[in-house]
Amino acid sequence: MSAKALDLFQAYSEGKLPMEGGYIVSSFFDTTSTYARYEIVAFSSVKNIYLTEEGLTFQTDGNKLYILVEPANYARKYIEPFRRDTQHVVPQRFSEMDVIITKNQSKVFISKKPIISYSSFTVLKPTGMNFALIFFNLPEIKETLSFFFTQTLNKEADVPTIDAKKATKKIIEGIESFSIW
């Protein structure tokens, strides 16, 4: 059985990145709370990939979807996501995101529509407990991503399981609207 996902930077160093396309999931966790940001980028037909000081740059178009998990006690919840500091920023407004209020009163924000990144995009090198994974575009990709997001939202971002499943359903709907394929 071949791998469904690999660490992005390890796959790059081993020459295992799929030039025909895939899905990259990056996470950014707050070290002092359960605040979490996720970025999903779907890409196809890569012209070139190169390593920079910031991360990996892909020369191709990409579709991006953002997920933001905000704990109930987040002090700056009134600030639009695109206006937040570097650790908490998502390049979207509240009106551009669906929201799920969970049983523990945290909020999960999910992009209503994908953002298109034309010609290139860069995936930042993860630090601390953050990660960047490449998911291969296999026939069962939706099931793989569903399992992954239900688990990580629950275990890493403290979203109750039932709400993690609701959020995952919205995430998969967003992925299904990607125009990259």
N, C-alpha and C. Protein backbone atom coordinates (compact mmCIF):
# COMPACT_ATOMS: atom_id res chain seq x y z
N MET A 1 0.84 -1.19 0.00
CA MET A 1 0.00 0.00 0.00
C MET A 1 0.88 1.24 0.00
N SER A 2 0.61 2.16 -0.90
CA SER A 2 1.40 3.39 -0.95
C SER A 2 0.84 4.40 0.05
N ALA A 3 1.67 5.38 0.40
CA ALA A 3 1.28 6.38 1.39
C ALA A 3 0.17 7.27 0.84
N LYS A 4 -0.75 7.66 1.73
CA LYS A 4 -1.81 8.59 1.37
C LYS A 4 -1.36 10.02 1.63
N ALA A 5 -0.42 10.18 2.58
CA ALA A 5 0.08 11.51 2.94
C ALA A 5 1.49 11.38 3.48
N LEU A 6 2.26 12.45 3.31
CA LEU A 6 3.63 12.51 3.83
C LEU A 6 3.88 13.92 4.34
N ASP A 7 4.90 14.04 5.19
CA ASP A 7 5.37 15.36 5.57
C ASP A 7 5.85 16.06 4.30
N LEU A 8 5.39 17.27 4.06
CA LEU A 8 5.68 17.98 2.80
C LEU A 8 7.18 18.17 2.57
N PHE A 9 7.89 18.62 3.58
CA PHE A 9 9.31 18.93 3.39
C PHE A 9 10.16 17.66 3.28
N GLN A 10 9.76 16.62 3.96
CA GLN A 10 10.44 15.33 3.81
C GLN A 10 10.20 14.79 2.39
N ALA A 11 8.95 14.86 1.92
CA ALA A 11 8.63 14.40 0.56
C ALA A 11 9.44 15.18 -0.47
N TYR A 12 9.61 16.48 -0.27
CA TYR A 12 10.41 17.30 -1.18
C TYR A 12 11.86 16.82 -1.19
N SER A 13 12.43 16.63 0.01
CA SER A 13 13.84 16.23 0.08
C SER A 13 14.09 14.84 -0.49
N GLU A 14 13.06 13.99 -0.49
CA GLU A 14 13.19 12.63 -1.04
C GLU A 14 12.69 12.53 -2.48
N GLY A 15 12.32 13.65 -3.08
CA GLY A 15 11.85 13.65 -4.47
C GLY A 15 10.51 12.95 -4.66
N LYS A 16 9.65 12.99 -3.65
CA LYS A 16 8.38 12.27 -3.71
C LYS A 16 7.16 13.18 -3.90
N LEU A 17 7.38 14.46 -4.20
CA LEU A 17 6.22 15.35 -4.40
C LEU A 17 5.56 15.07 -5.75
N PRO A 18 4.25 14.98 -5.76
CA PRO A 18 3.54 14.69 -7.01
C PRO A 18 3.43 15.94 -7.90
N MET A 19 4.11 15.95 -9.01
CA MET A 19 4.08 17.11 -9.92
C MET A 19 2.71 17.24 -10.59
N GLU A 20 1.95 16.14 -10.64
CA GLU A 20 0.63 16.19 -11.26
C GLU A 20 -0.41 16.81 -10.33
N GLY A 21 -0.09 16.95 -9.05
CA GLY A 21 -0.98 17.63 -8.13
C GLY A 21 -1.27 16.88 -6.86
N GLY A 22 -1.90 17.57 -5.94
CA GLY A 22 -2.26 17.00 -4.65
C GLY A 22 -2.85 18.08 -3.77
N TYR A 23 -2.93 17.78 -2.49
CA TYR A 23 -3.47 18.70 -1.49
C TYR A 23 -2.43 18.89 -0.39
N ILE A 24 -2.15 20.14 -0.07
CA ILE A 24 -1.23 20.45 1.02
C ILE A 24 -2.05 21.02 2.17
N VAL A 25 -1.87 20.45 3.34
CA VAL A 25 -2.54 20.95 4.54
C VAL A 25 -1.47 21.45 5.49
N SER A 26 -1.56 22.73 5.83
CA SER A 26 -0.63 23.33 6.80
C SER A 26 -1.41 23.72 8.04
N SER A 27 -0.76 23.59 9.19
CA SER A 27 -1.39 23.98 10.44
C SER A 27 -0.53 25.01 11.14
N PHE A 28 -1.21 25.84 11.91
CA PHE A 28 -0.54 26.87 12.71
C PHE A 28 -1.27 26.91 14.05
N PHE A 29 -0.64 26.36 15.07
CA PHE A 29 -1.25 26.28 16.40
C PHE A 29 -0.68 27.35 17.31
N ASP A 30 -1.54 27.93 18.12
CA ASP A 30 -1.13 28.88 19.15
C ASP A 30 -0.53 28.06 20.29
N THR A 31 0.57 28.51 20.84
CA THR A 31 1.23 27.75 21.91
C THR A 31 0.59 27.96 23.27
N THR A 32 -0.29 28.96 23.39
CA THR A 32 -0.88 29.26 24.70
C THR A 32 -2.38 28.96 24.79
N SER A 33 -2.97 28.49 23.68
CA SER A 33 -4.41 28.18 23.69
C SER A 33 -4.72 27.15 22.61
N THR A 34 -5.99 26.88 22.42
CA THR A 34 -6.39 25.94 21.37
C THR A 34 -6.70 26.66 20.05
N TYR A 35 -6.31 27.92 19.94
CA TYR A 35 -6.47 28.67 18.70
C TYR A 35 -5.66 27.96 17.61
N ALA A 36 -6.30 27.70 16.48
CA ALA A 36 -5.60 26.99 15.40
C ALA A 36 -6.04 27.53 14.05
N ARG A 37 -5.10 27.54 13.11
CA ARG A 37 -5.39 27.90 11.73
C ARG A 37 -4.93 26.76 10.84
N TYR A 38 -5.71 26.49 9.82
CA TYR A 38 -5.34 25.49 8.82
C TYR A 38 -5.47 26.13 7.45
N GLU A 39 -4.60 25.72 6.56
CA GLU A 39 -4.67 26.17 5.17
C GLU A 39 -4.60 24.92 4.30
N ILE A 40 -5.55 24.80 3.39
CA ILE A 40 -5.54 23.69 2.43
C ILE A 40 -5.27 24.31 1.07
N VAL A 41 -4.29 23.77 0.36
CA VAL A 41 -4.00 24.22 -0.99
C VAL A 41 -4.04 23.03 -1.92
N ALA A 42 -4.89 23.10 -2.94
CA ALA A 42 -4.92 22.07 -3.97
C ALA A 42 -4.16 22.63 -5.17
N PHE A 43 -3.37 21.77 -5.80
CA PHE A 43 -2.59 22.22 -6.96
C PHE A 43 -2.52 21.11 -7.99
N SER A 44 -2.23 21.50 -9.22
CA SER A 44 -2.02 20.51 -10.29
C SER A 44 -1.02 21.08 -11.28
N SER A 45 -0.45 20.21 -12.08
CA SER A 45 0.46 20.61 -13.17
C SER A 45 1.56 21.57 -12.73
N VAL A 46 2.40 21.13 -11.82
CA VAL A 46 3.48 21.96 -11.29
C VAL A 46 4.56 22.15 -12.35
N LYS A 47 4.98 23.40 -12.53
CA LYS A 47 6.08 23.70 -13.44
C LYS A 47 7.42 23.55 -12.74
N ASN A 48 7.46 23.99 -11.47
CA ASN A 48 8.71 23.93 -10.71
C ASN A 48 8.39 24.04 -9.22
N ILE A 49 9.23 23.46 -8.40
CA ILE A 49 9.15 23.59 -6.94
C ILE A 49 10.55 23.92 -6.46
N TYR A 50 10.67 24.94 -5.62
CA TYR A 50 12.00 25.23 -5.08
C TYR A 50 11.90 25.69 -3.63
N LEU A 51 12.98 25.40 -2.91
CA LEU A 51 13.09 25.70 -1.49
C LEU A 51 13.61 27.12 -1.31
N THR A 52 12.96 27.89 -0.42
CA THR A 52 13.41 29.23 -0.06
C THR A 52 13.62 29.25 1.45
N GLU A 53 14.07 30.38 1.97
CA GLU A 53 14.23 30.51 3.42
C GLU A 53 12.89 30.38 4.13
N GLU A 54 11.82 30.86 3.49
CA GLU A 54 10.48 30.83 4.10
C GLU A 54 9.83 29.45 4.05
N GLY A 55 10.05 28.74 2.93
CA GLY A 55 9.38 27.46 2.75
C GLY A 55 9.56 26.92 1.35
N LEU A 56 8.53 26.24 0.85
CA LEU A 56 8.55 25.67 -0.50
C LEU A 56 7.66 26.51 -1.40
N THR A 57 8.20 26.92 -2.53
CA THR A 57 7.42 27.69 -3.51
C THR A 57 7.07 26.78 -4.67
N PHE A 58 5.80 26.74 -4.99
CA PHE A 58 5.26 25.95 -6.10
C PHE A 58 4.91 26.90 -7.23
N GLN A 59 5.45 26.65 -8.41
CA GLN A 59 5.09 27.45 -9.57
C GLN A 59 3.94 26.75 -10.29
N THR A 60 2.75 27.11 -9.89
CA THR A 60 1.51 26.60 -10.45
C THR A 60 0.36 27.35 -9.81
N ASP A 61 -0.82 27.23 -10.36
CA ASP A 61 -2.01 27.80 -9.73
C ASP A 61 -2.40 26.91 -8.55
N GLY A 62 -3.11 27.50 -7.59
CA GLY A 62 -3.59 26.73 -6.46
C GLY A 62 -4.94 27.25 -5.99
N ASN A 63 -5.73 26.38 -5.41
CA ASN A 63 -6.97 26.77 -4.74
C ASN A 63 -6.73 26.65 -3.25
N LYS A 64 -7.11 27.69 -2.49
CA LYS A 64 -6.87 27.69 -1.05
C LYS A 64 -8.17 27.78 -0.28
N LEU A 65 -8.20 27.07 0.83
CA LEU A 65 -9.32 27.09 1.75
C LEU A 65 -8.73 27.28 3.14
N TYR A 66 -9.35 28.13 3.94
CA TYR A 66 -8.85 28.41 5.28
C TYR A 66 -9.83 27.93 6.34
N ILE A 67 -9.28 27.42 7.44
CA ILE A 67 -10.06 27.00 8.59
C ILE A 67 -9.43 27.68 9.80
N LEU A 68 -10.27 28.23 10.66
CA LEU A 68 -9.82 28.93 11.85
C LEU A 68 -10.61 28.39 13.03
N VAL A 69 -9.93 27.99 14.08
CA VAL A 69 -10.59 27.53 15.30
C VAL A 69 -10.26 28.53 16.40
N GLU A 70 -11.31 29.13 16.93
CA GLU A 70 -11.17 30.18 17.92
C GLU A 70 -11.78 29.71 19.25
N PRO A 71 -10.98 29.56 20.30
CA PRO A 71 -11.56 29.13 21.58
C PRO A 71 -12.51 30.20 22.13
N ALA A 72 -13.42 29.78 23.00
CA ALA A 72 -14.43 30.68 23.56
C ALA A 72 -13.80 31.87 24.28
N ASN A 73 -12.63 31.67 24.87
CA ASN A 73 -11.99 32.74 25.64
C ASN A 73 -10.99 33.57 24.83
N TYR A 74 -11.03 33.47 23.51
CA TYR A 74 -10.10 34.25 22.68
C TYR A 74 -10.44 35.73 22.84
N ALA A 75 -9.49 36.51 23.33
CA ALA A 75 -9.72 37.90 23.70
C ALA A 75 -9.97 38.83 22.52
N ARG A 76 -9.47 38.49 21.33
CA ARG A 76 -9.57 39.41 20.20
C ARG A 76 -10.55 38.90 19.13
N LYS A 77 -11.58 38.20 19.57
CA LYS A 77 -12.54 37.59 18.65
C LYS A 77 -13.34 38.61 17.84
N TYR A 78 -13.37 39.83 18.26
CA TYR A 78 -14.10 40.88 17.55
C TYR A 78 -13.33 41.43 16.34
N ILE A 79 -12.04 41.12 16.23
CA ILE A 79 -11.21 41.63 15.13
C ILE A 79 -11.36 40.71 13.92
N GLU A 80 -11.60 41.32 12.75
CA GLU A 80 -11.72 40.55 11.51
C GLU A 80 -10.47 39.69 11.33
N PRO A 81 -10.64 38.45 10.86
CA PRO A 81 -9.48 37.55 10.70
C PRO A 81 -8.35 38.14 9.85
N PHE A 82 -8.66 38.92 8.83
CA PHE A 82 -7.60 39.46 7.97
C PHE A 82 -6.83 40.60 8.64
N ARG A 83 -7.31 41.13 9.76
CA ARG A 83 -6.67 42.24 10.46
C ARG A 83 -5.90 41.79 11.71
N ARG A 84 -5.87 40.50 11.96
CA ARG A 84 -5.21 39.99 13.17
C ARG A 84 -3.70 39.95 13.01
N ASP A 85 -3.01 39.78 14.12
CA ASP A 85 -1.55 39.70 14.08
C ASP A 85 -1.11 38.44 13.32
N THR A 86 0.16 38.37 13.00
CA THR A 86 0.71 37.32 12.16
C THR A 86 0.36 35.91 12.62
N GLN A 87 0.36 35.67 13.92
CA GLN A 87 0.07 34.33 14.46
C GLN A 87 -1.39 33.94 14.30
N HIS A 88 -2.28 34.90 14.14
CA HIS A 88 -3.71 34.64 14.15
C HIS A 88 -4.43 35.03 12.86
N VAL A 89 -3.70 35.48 11.88
CA VAL A 89 -4.31 36.02 10.66
C VAL A 89 -4.78 34.94 9.68
N VAL A 90 -5.91 35.21 9.07
CA VAL A 90 -6.43 34.45 7.94
C VAL A 90 -6.88 35.51 6.95
N PRO A 91 -6.50 35.43 5.68
CA PRO A 91 -6.79 36.52 4.74
C PRO A 91 -8.25 36.58 4.27
N GLN A 92 -9.16 36.59 5.23
CA GLN A 92 -10.58 36.67 4.90
C GLN A 92 -11.33 37.44 5.98
N ARG A 93 -12.50 37.92 5.61
CA ARG A 93 -13.41 38.60 6.55
C ARG A 93 -14.37 37.57 7.14
N PHE A 94 -15.03 37.93 8.23
CA PHE A 94 -16.04 37.05 8.82
C PHE A 94 -17.11 36.71 7.78
N SER A 95 -17.50 37.68 6.98
CA SER A 95 -18.57 37.48 5.99
C SER A 95 -18.17 36.49 4.89
N GLU A 96 -16.89 36.20 4.74
CA GLU A 96 -16.40 35.27 3.73
C GLU A 96 -16.22 33.86 4.28
N MET A 97 -16.64 33.68 5.54
CA MET A 97 -16.43 32.39 6.19
C MET A 97 -17.73 31.91 6.84
N ASP A 98 -17.97 30.59 6.75
CA ASP A 98 -19.05 29.98 7.51
C ASP A 98 -18.55 29.78 8.93
N VAL A 99 -19.48 29.80 9.89
CA VAL A 99 -19.08 29.60 11.29
C VAL A 99 -19.92 28.49 11.92
N ILE A 100 -19.24 27.67 12.70
CA ILE A 100 -19.90 26.63 13.49
C ILE A 100 -19.56 26.93 14.94
N ILE A 101 -20.59 27.15 15.76
CA ILE A 101 -20.38 27.35 17.19
C ILE A 101 -20.52 25.99 17.85
N THR A 102 -19.47 25.57 18.54
CA THR A 102 -19.40 24.21 19.07
C THR A 102 -20.03 24.10 20.46
N LYS A 103 -20.16 22.86 20.91
CA LYS A 103 -20.73 22.60 22.24
C LYS A 103 -19.92 23.26 23.35
N ASN A 104 -18.61 23.42 23.15
CA ASN A 104 -17.78 24.07 24.18
C ASN A 104 -17.60 25.57 23.90
N GLN A 105 -18.44 26.09 23.02
CA GLN A 105 -18.50 27.53 22.68
C GLN A 105 -17.30 28.05 21.89
N SER A 106 -16.44 27.17 21.44
CA SER A 106 -15.41 27.63 20.50
C SER A 106 -16.09 27.80 19.15
N LYS A 107 -15.41 28.49 18.25
CA LYS A 107 -15.97 28.73 16.92
C LYS A 107 -15.02 28.16 15.87
N VAL A 108 -15.59 27.52 14.86
CA VAL A 108 -14.81 27.03 13.73
C VAL A 108 -15.27 27.82 12.51
N PHE A 109 -14.34 28.57 11.92
CA PHE A 109 -14.62 29.35 10.72
C PHE A 109 -14.03 28.61 9.52
N ILE A 110 -14.80 28.53 8.43
CA ILE A 110 -14.36 27.82 7.22
C ILE A 110 -14.66 28.70 6.01
N SER A 111 -13.69 28.84 5.12
CA SER A 111 -13.91 29.64 3.91
C SER A 111 -15.17 29.19 3.20
N LYS A 112 -16.00 30.15 2.79
CA LYS A 112 -17.20 29.82 2.02
C LYS A 112 -16.83 29.40 0.60
N LYS A 113 -15.81 30.09 0.04
CA LYS A 113 -15.36 29.79 -1.31
C LYS A 113 -13.84 29.75 -1.33
N PRO A 114 -13.28 28.91 -2.18
CA PRO A 114 -11.81 28.87 -2.27
C PRO A 114 -11.26 30.17 -2.85
N ILE A 115 -10.04 30.47 -2.46
CA ILE A 115 -9.31 31.60 -3.01
C ILE A 115 -8.36 31.03 -4.05
N ILE A 116 -8.28 31.66 -5.21
CA ILE A 116 -7.38 31.17 -6.25
C ILE A 116 -6.06 31.92 -6.16
N SER A 117 -4.99 31.15 -6.13
CA SER A 117 -3.64 31.70 -6.13
C SER A 117 -3.08 31.47 -7.52
N TYR A 118 -2.87 32.54 -8.26
CA TYR A 118 -2.40 32.43 -9.64
C TYR A 118 -0.88 32.38 -9.72
N SER A 119 -0.37 31.52 -10.53
CA SER A 119 1.03 31.35 -10.94
C SER A 119 1.97 30.74 -9.89
N SER A 120 1.81 31.07 -8.61
CA SER A 120 2.67 30.44 -7.60
C SER A 120 2.11 30.66 -6.21
N PHE A 121 2.57 29.83 -5.29
CA PHE A 121 2.25 29.98 -3.87
C PHE A 121 3.40 29.38 -3.08
N THR A 122 3.54 29.83 -1.83
CA THR A 122 4.59 29.33 -0.94
C THR A 122 3.96 28.71 0.29
N VAL A 123 4.44 27.54 0.65
CA VAL A 123 4.02 26.87 1.88
C VAL A 123 5.13 27.10 2.90
N LEU A 124 4.78 27.74 4.01
CA LEU A 124 5.76 28.07 5.03
C LEU A 124 6.29 26.84 5.74
N LYS A 125 7.57 26.89 6.12
CA LYS A 125 8.17 25.81 6.91
C LYS A 125 7.49 25.77 8.27
N PRO A 126 7.05 24.61 8.70
CA PRO A 126 6.41 24.53 10.02
C PRO A 126 7.44 24.65 11.14
N THR A 127 6.99 25.25 12.23
CA THR A 127 7.83 25.36 13.42
C THR A 127 7.04 24.81 14.60
N GLY A 128 7.75 24.40 15.64
CA GLY A 128 7.10 23.89 16.84
C GLY A 128 6.21 22.70 16.52
N MET A 129 4.96 22.74 16.97
CA MET A 129 4.05 21.62 16.75
C MET A 129 3.24 21.76 15.46
N ASN A 130 3.52 22.77 14.67
CA ASN A 130 2.84 22.95 13.40
C ASN A 130 3.29 21.89 12.40
N PHE A 131 2.54 21.71 11.34
CA PHE A 131 2.91 20.73 10.33
C PHE A 131 2.48 21.18 8.95
N ALA A 132 3.09 20.57 7.95
CA ALA A 132 2.69 20.74 6.55
C ALA A 132 2.73 19.34 5.94
N LEU A 133 1.58 18.88 5.47
CA LEU A 133 1.46 17.54 4.91
C LEU A 133 1.02 17.61 3.46
N ILE A 134 1.53 16.68 2.65
CA ILE A 134 1.06 16.53 1.28
C ILE A 134 0.16 15.30 1.24
N PHE A 135 -1.06 15.50 0.77
CA PHE A 135 -2.00 14.40 0.58
C PHE A 135 -2.06 14.12 -0.92
N PHE A 136 -1.82 12.88 -1.27
CA PHE A 136 -1.81 12.50 -2.68
C PHE A 136 -3.24 12.42 -3.21
N ASN A 137 -3.43 12.84 -4.44
CA ASN A 137 -4.76 12.88 -5.05
C ASN A 137 -5.17 11.48 -5.51
N LEU A 138 -5.46 10.64 -4.54
CA LEU A 138 -5.88 9.26 -4.79
C LEU A 138 -7.41 9.20 -4.84
N PRO A 139 -7.99 8.12 -5.35
CA PRO A 139 -9.45 8.03 -5.44
C PRO A 139 -10.18 8.25 -4.11
N GLU A 140 -9.56 7.89 -2.99
CA GLU A 140 -10.23 8.03 -1.69
C GLU A 140 -9.80 9.30 -0.95
N ILE A 141 -9.37 10.34 -1.68
CA ILE A 141 -8.86 11.56 -1.05
C ILE A 141 -9.88 12.22 -0.12
N LYS A 142 -11.14 12.26 -0.50
CA LYS A 142 -12.15 12.92 0.35
C LYS A 142 -12.31 12.18 1.68
N GLU A 143 -12.30 10.86 1.64
CA GLU A 143 -12.40 10.08 2.87
C GLU A 143 -11.16 10.28 3.75
N THR A 144 -10.00 10.32 3.10
CA THR A 144 -8.74 10.53 3.84
C THR A 144 -8.74 11.89 4.52
N LEU A 145 -9.11 12.94 3.78
CA LEU A 145 -9.14 14.28 4.36
C LEU A 145 -10.24 14.40 5.43
N SER A 146 -11.36 13.72 5.22
CA SER A 146 -12.43 13.74 6.23
C SER A 146 -11.95 13.15 7.55
N PHE A 147 -11.31 11.99 7.48
CA PHE A 147 -10.78 11.36 8.68
C PHE A 147 -9.75 12.27 9.34
N PHE A 148 -8.83 12.81 8.54
CA PHE A 148 -7.77 13.66 9.06
C PHE A 148 -8.34 14.87 9.79
N PHE A 149 -9.25 15.60 9.14
CA PHE A 149 -9.77 16.83 9.76
C PHE A 149 -10.64 16.54 10.99
N THR A 150 -11.42 15.50 10.95
CA THR A 150 -12.22 15.16 12.13
C THR A 150 -11.29 14.89 13.32
N GLN A 151 -10.20 14.17 13.07
CA GLN A 151 -9.26 13.84 14.14
C GLN A 151 -8.48 15.06 14.62
N THR A 152 -7.92 15.83 13.71
CA THR A 152 -7.07 16.95 14.13
C THR A 152 -7.88 18.06 14.78
N LEU A 153 -9.08 18.33 14.27
CA LEU A 153 -9.91 19.35 14.91
C LEU A 153 -10.26 18.93 16.34
N ASN A 154 -10.53 17.65 16.52
CA ASN A 154 -10.89 17.14 17.84
C ASN A 154 -9.67 17.08 18.77
N LYS A 155 -8.61 16.46 18.33
CA LYS A 155 -7.45 16.20 19.20
C LYS A 155 -6.54 17.42 19.38
N GLU A 156 -6.33 18.19 18.32
CA GLU A 156 -5.38 19.30 18.38
C GLU A 156 -6.05 20.63 18.73
N ALA A 157 -7.29 20.83 18.29
CA ALA A 157 -7.96 22.12 18.48
C ALA A 157 -9.10 22.06 19.50
N ASP A 158 -9.28 20.90 20.13
CA ASP A 158 -10.27 20.72 21.19
C ASP A 158 -11.72 20.99 20.74
N VAL A 159 -12.02 20.66 19.49
CA VAL A 159 -13.38 20.77 18.98
C VAL A 159 -14.09 19.45 19.31
N PRO A 160 -15.27 19.50 19.98
CA PRO A 160 -15.98 18.26 20.27
C PRO A 160 -16.22 17.43 19.00
N THR A 161 -16.17 16.13 19.13
CA THR A 161 -16.24 15.22 17.98
C THR A 161 -17.43 15.51 17.07
N ILE A 162 -18.60 15.69 17.62
CA ILE A 162 -19.79 15.93 16.79
C ILE A 162 -19.63 17.21 15.96
N ASP A 163 -19.03 18.24 16.58
CA ASP A 163 -18.81 19.50 15.87
C ASP A 163 -17.64 19.39 14.89
N ALA A 164 -16.64 18.59 15.22
CA ALA A 164 -15.53 18.35 14.29
C ALA A 164 -16.06 17.69 13.03
N LYS A 165 -17.03 16.78 13.17
CA LYS A 165 -17.63 16.12 12.01
C LYS A 165 -18.43 17.12 11.16
N LYS A 166 -19.16 18.03 11.82
CA LYS A 166 -19.91 19.08 11.09
C LYS A 166 -18.94 19.97 10.31
N ALA A 167 -17.88 20.38 10.98
CA ALA A 167 -16.89 21.25 10.34
C ALA A 167 -16.23 20.54 9.17
N THR A 168 -15.90 19.27 9.37
CA THR A 168 -15.26 18.49 8.30
C THR A 168 -16.18 18.40 7.09
N LYS A 169 -17.46 18.23 7.31
CA LYS A 169 -18.41 18.17 6.19
C LYS A 169 -18.34 19.47 5.38
N LYS A 170 -18.28 20.62 6.06
CA LYS A 170 -18.17 21.92 5.38
C LYS A 170 -16.83 22.03 4.65
N ILE A 171 -15.77 21.53 5.27
CA ILE A 171 -14.45 21.58 4.64
C ILE A 171 -14.46 20.78 3.34
N ILE A 172 -15.04 19.59 3.37
CA ILE A 172 -15.10 18.74 2.17
C ILE A 172 -15.95 19.42 1.10
N GLU A 173 -17.04 20.08 1.48
CA GLU A 173 -17.84 20.83 0.50
C GLU A 173 -16.99 21.91 -0.16
N GLY A 174 -16.15 22.58 0.63
CA GLY A 174 -15.25 23.59 0.08
C GLY A 174 -14.24 22.99 -0.88
N ILE A 175 -13.69 21.84 -0.51
CA ILE A 175 -12.73 21.15 -1.38
C ILE A 175 -13.39 20.72 -2.69
N GLU A 176 -14.64 20.28 -2.60
CA GLU A 176 -15.38 19.87 -3.81
C GLU A 176 -15.60 21.03 -4.77
N SER A 177 -15.52 22.27 -4.26
CA SER A 177 -15.72 23.43 -5.14
C SER A 177 -14.41 23.95 -5.73
N PHE A 178 -13.29 23.27 -5.44
CA PHE A 178 -12.01 23.68 -6.04
C PHE A 178 -12.11 23.57 -7.56
N SER A 179 -11.60 24.57 -8.24
CA SER A 179 -11.65 24.57 -9.71
C SER A 179 -10.33 24.08 -10.32
N ILE A 180 -9.36 23.77 -9.50
CA ILE A 180 -8.02 23.39 -9.99
C ILE A 180 -8.05 22.09 -10.80
N TRP A 181 -9.00 21.21 -10.50
CA TRP A 181 -9.05 19.93 -11.18
C TRP A 181 -9.91 20.06 -12.40
